[in-house]
Amino acid sequence: MSAGISLARPLRAAALLLLLSGCTQTAMETASPDVTNAPAAGFQNLQPGSEEDFILNVGRRTYFTSGSAELDTVAKTTLDGQAAWLRKYPKWLVKLQGFADDPGGDPQQVALSQKRADAVMTYLVANGVDANRMWAKGYGKDRQVRTCTENACKVQNRRVVSNLRDERDEP
């Protein structure tokens, strides 16, 4: 009897493995194809030259280090892409909105954020974008992305956002 039980266990285990391997095979055959590079939902009809194209494919945010309005290599790379896109699609106007989250009071924050917006505008003009298509405004600590104390978080607030416009609005 013990020989029958010991033989039955391996047979049941083998049958279970065959059953499971069949399930695995079927699951693999019916799995969805790789869609890593498929268009994101809602963006299948993305039009070149649209605001969505600018946001998704170029990027509209330029970031700065604490207390600075200097453009680093990452910022320049972003702005090079913006300049190329804006030269290609001259119908767009651009409102450059500067922000700060740096040491100092409100007047210093507004002044620094204005310097940042002006630095972005100067760079874009130097790279072939007509100055008459752009205007810059510093907002200081207004409109923070996040309120926090860690530097890794605050850097999100130290930015200039290039917002496309059909027509000029308040400076």
Protein backbone atom coordinates (compact mmCIF):
# COMPACT_ATOMS: atom_id res chain seq x y z
CA MET A 1 0.00 0.00 0.00
CA SER A 2 2.76 2.36 0.77
CA ALA A 3 4.30 1.68 -2.67
CA GLY A 4 0.95 2.60 -4.29
CA ILE A 5 0.72 5.85 -2.35
CA SER A 6 4.30 6.79 -3.12
CA LEU A 7 3.71 6.10 -6.84
CA ALA A 8 0.43 8.03 -6.88
CA ARG A 9 2.01 11.21 -5.51
CA PRO A 10 4.58 11.57 -8.30
CA LEU A 11 1.89 10.82 -10.89
CA ARG A 12 -0.43 13.44 -9.45
CA ALA A 13 2.44 15.94 -9.30
CA ALA A 14 3.32 15.20 -12.93
CA ALA A 15 -0.32 15.57 -13.98
CA LEU A 16 -0.55 18.86 -12.10
CA LEU A 17 2.62 20.15 -13.79
CA LEU A 18 1.24 19.22 -17.21
CA LEU A 19 -2.00 20.96 -16.39
CA LEU A 20 -0.21 24.08 -15.17
CA SER A 21 2.13 24.16 -18.14
CA GLY A 22 -0.90 24.03 -20.41
CA CYS A 23 -2.42 27.00 -18.55
CA THR A 24 0.79 28.94 -18.78
CA GLN A 25 1.01 28.27 -22.50
CA THR A 26 -2.56 29.41 -23.02
CA ALA A 27 -2.04 32.53 -20.89
CA MET A 28 1.04 33.44 -22.88
CA GLU A 29 -0.75 32.92 -26.19
CA THR A 30 -3.65 35.19 -25.17
CA ALA A 31 -1.58 37.89 -23.43
CA SER A 32 -1.79 41.44 -24.79
CA PRO A 33 0.92 42.48 -27.20
CA ASP A 34 3.66 44.82 -25.96
CA VAL A 35 2.21 48.34 -25.99
CA THR A 36 5.11 50.27 -24.48
CA ASN A 37 5.29 52.62 -27.43
CA ALA A 38 1.56 52.89 -28.05
CA PRO A 39 0.06 56.41 -27.91
CA ALA A 40 -1.12 57.48 -24.47
CA ALA A 41 -4.88 57.41 -24.04
CA GLY A 42 -6.38 60.72 -25.04
CA PHE A 43 -3.44 61.69 -27.24
CA GLN A 44 -4.02 59.53 -30.31
CA ASN A 45 -4.94 62.61 -32.34
CA LEU A 46 -2.02 64.77 -31.20
CA GLN A 47 -1.43 67.36 -33.90
CA PRO A 48 2.05 68.65 -34.69
CA GLY A 49 2.22 72.32 -33.78
CA SER A 50 -0.50 72.06 -31.13
CA GLU A 51 -0.16 73.12 -27.53
CA GLU A 52 -0.28 69.44 -26.52
CA ASP A 53 2.59 68.73 -28.93
CA PHE A 54 4.64 71.48 -27.30
CA ILE A 55 3.91 70.25 -23.75
CA LEU A 56 4.45 66.54 -24.43
CA ASN A 57 7.23 66.55 -26.98
CA VAL A 58 9.23 69.67 -26.13
CA GLY A 59 8.51 70.56 -22.50
CA ARG A 60 7.46 73.91 -21.18
CA ARG A 61 9.29 74.10 -17.82
CA THR A 62 12.82 75.40 -17.29
CA TYR A 63 14.29 74.83 -13.82
CA PHE A 64 16.86 76.83 -11.83
CA THR A 65 19.14 76.26 -8.87
CA SER A 66 18.49 78.04 -5.58
CA GLY A 67 18.98 81.79 -5.68
CA SER A 68 19.99 81.79 -9.35
CA ALA A 69 18.67 82.98 -12.67
CA GLU A 70 21.56 81.32 -14.55
CA LEU A 71 20.68 78.79 -17.24
CA ASP A 72 22.51 75.50 -16.76
CA THR A 73 23.09 72.91 -19.50
CA VAL A 74 19.81 71.11 -18.77
CA ALA A 75 17.86 74.38 -19.00
CA LYS A 76 19.62 75.28 -22.25
CA THR A 77 18.77 71.88 -23.72
CA THR A 78 15.10 72.42 -22.88
CA LEU A 79 15.19 75.92 -24.32
CA ASP A 80 16.96 74.76 -27.49
CA GLY A 81 14.00 72.45 -28.09
CA GLN A 82 11.54 75.23 -27.35
CA ALA A 83 13.32 77.63 -29.70
CA ALA A 84 13.34 75.10 -32.55
CA TRP A 85 9.65 74.34 -32.04
CA LEU A 86 8.69 78.02 -31.79
CA ARG A 87 10.62 78.85 -34.99
CA LYS A 88 8.79 76.01 -36.75
CA TYR A 89 5.36 77.16 -35.51
CA PRO A 90 5.46 80.99 -35.59
CA LYS A 91 1.71 81.40 -35.01
CA TRP A 92 2.19 80.98 -31.26
CA LEU A 93 2.85 83.75 -28.75
CA VAL A 94 4.61 82.82 -25.49
CA LYS A 95 3.98 84.05 -21.97
CA LEU A 96 7.05 83.32 -19.85
CA GLN A 97 6.02 82.97 -16.22
CA GLY A 98 8.83 83.00 -13.68
CA PHE A 99 8.54 81.53 -10.18
CA ALA A 100 10.76 81.33 -7.11
CA ASP A 101 10.97 79.36 -3.89
CA ASP A 102 14.27 80.64 -2.58
CA PRO A 103 15.55 82.34 0.56
CA GLY A 104 14.43 85.95 0.96
CA GLY A 105 11.26 87.97 1.29
CA ASP A 106 8.53 88.55 -1.24
CA PRO A 107 10.22 91.47 -3.06
CA GLN A 108 13.37 89.37 -3.56
CA GLN A 109 11.29 86.40 -4.79
CA VAL A 110 9.45 88.53 -7.35
CA ALA A 111 12.72 90.09 -8.56
CA LEU A 112 14.42 86.68 -8.88
CA SER A 113 11.47 85.14 -10.68
CA GLN A 114 11.44 88.09 -13.11
CA LYS A 115 15.18 87.63 -13.74
CA ARG A 116 14.52 83.96 -14.50
CA ALA A 117 11.73 84.78 -16.95
CA ASP A 118 13.93 87.44 -18.59
CA ALA A 119 16.84 84.96 -18.85
CA VAL A 120 14.60 82.48 -20.67
CA MET A 121 13.34 85.21 -23.01
CA THR A 122 16.88 86.43 -23.76
CA TYR A 123 17.98 82.87 -24.55
CA LEU A 124 15.01 82.21 -26.84
CA VAL A 125 15.58 85.52 -28.68
CA ALA A 126 19.27 84.65 -29.10
CA ASN A 127 18.12 81.38 -30.64
CA GLY A 128 15.91 82.93 -33.28
CA VAL A 129 12.53 83.46 -31.61
CA ASP A 130 11.09 86.91 -32.32
CA ALA A 131 11.02 88.99 -29.11
CA ASN A 132 7.66 90.47 -30.17
CA ARG A 133 6.07 87.04 -29.72
CA MET A 134 7.01 86.83 -26.03
CA TRP A 135 6.50 88.62 -22.74
CA ALA A 136 7.84 87.78 -19.29
CA LYS A 137 6.48 88.15 -15.78
CA GLY A 138 7.85 87.13 -12.41
CA TYR A 139 5.36 85.87 -9.83
CA GLY A 140 7.66 85.14 -6.89
CA LYS A 141 6.27 82.44 -4.59
CA ASP A 142 2.76 82.65 -6.07
CA ARG A 143 1.45 79.49 -7.74
CA GLN A 144 3.82 77.03 -6.11
CA VAL A 145 3.77 73.50 -7.45
CA ARG A 146 4.45 72.15 -3.96
CA THR A 147 4.78 73.64 -0.50
CA CYS A 148 7.68 71.92 1.24
CA THR A 149 11.00 72.39 2.98
CA GLU A 150 13.23 69.78 1.24
CA ASN A 151 15.44 71.05 -1.57
CA ALA A 152 14.44 68.18 -3.88
CA CYS A 153 10.87 69.37 -3.54
CA LYS A 154 11.52 73.12 -3.68
CA VAL A 155 13.35 72.86 -6.99
CA GLN A 156 9.96 72.20 -8.65
CA ASN A 157 8.96 75.76 -7.70
CA ARG A 158 12.15 77.35 -9.10
CA ARG A 159 11.02 77.50 -12.69
CA VAL A 160 9.90 79.40 -15.74
CA VAL A 161 6.85 78.04 -17.54
CA SER A 162 6.57 78.80 -21.25
CA ASN A 163 2.84 79.06 -21.90
CA LEU A 164 1.59 79.24 -25.46
CA ARG A 165 -1.02 81.87 -26.27
CA ASP A 166 -3.13 82.76 -29.31
CA GLU A 167 -3.11 86.41 -28.27
CA ARG A 168 -1.40 88.64 -25.77
CA ASP A 169 -2.87 88.72 -22.27
CA GLU A 170 -1.90 90.52 -19.08
CA PRO A 171 1.87 90.78 -18.61
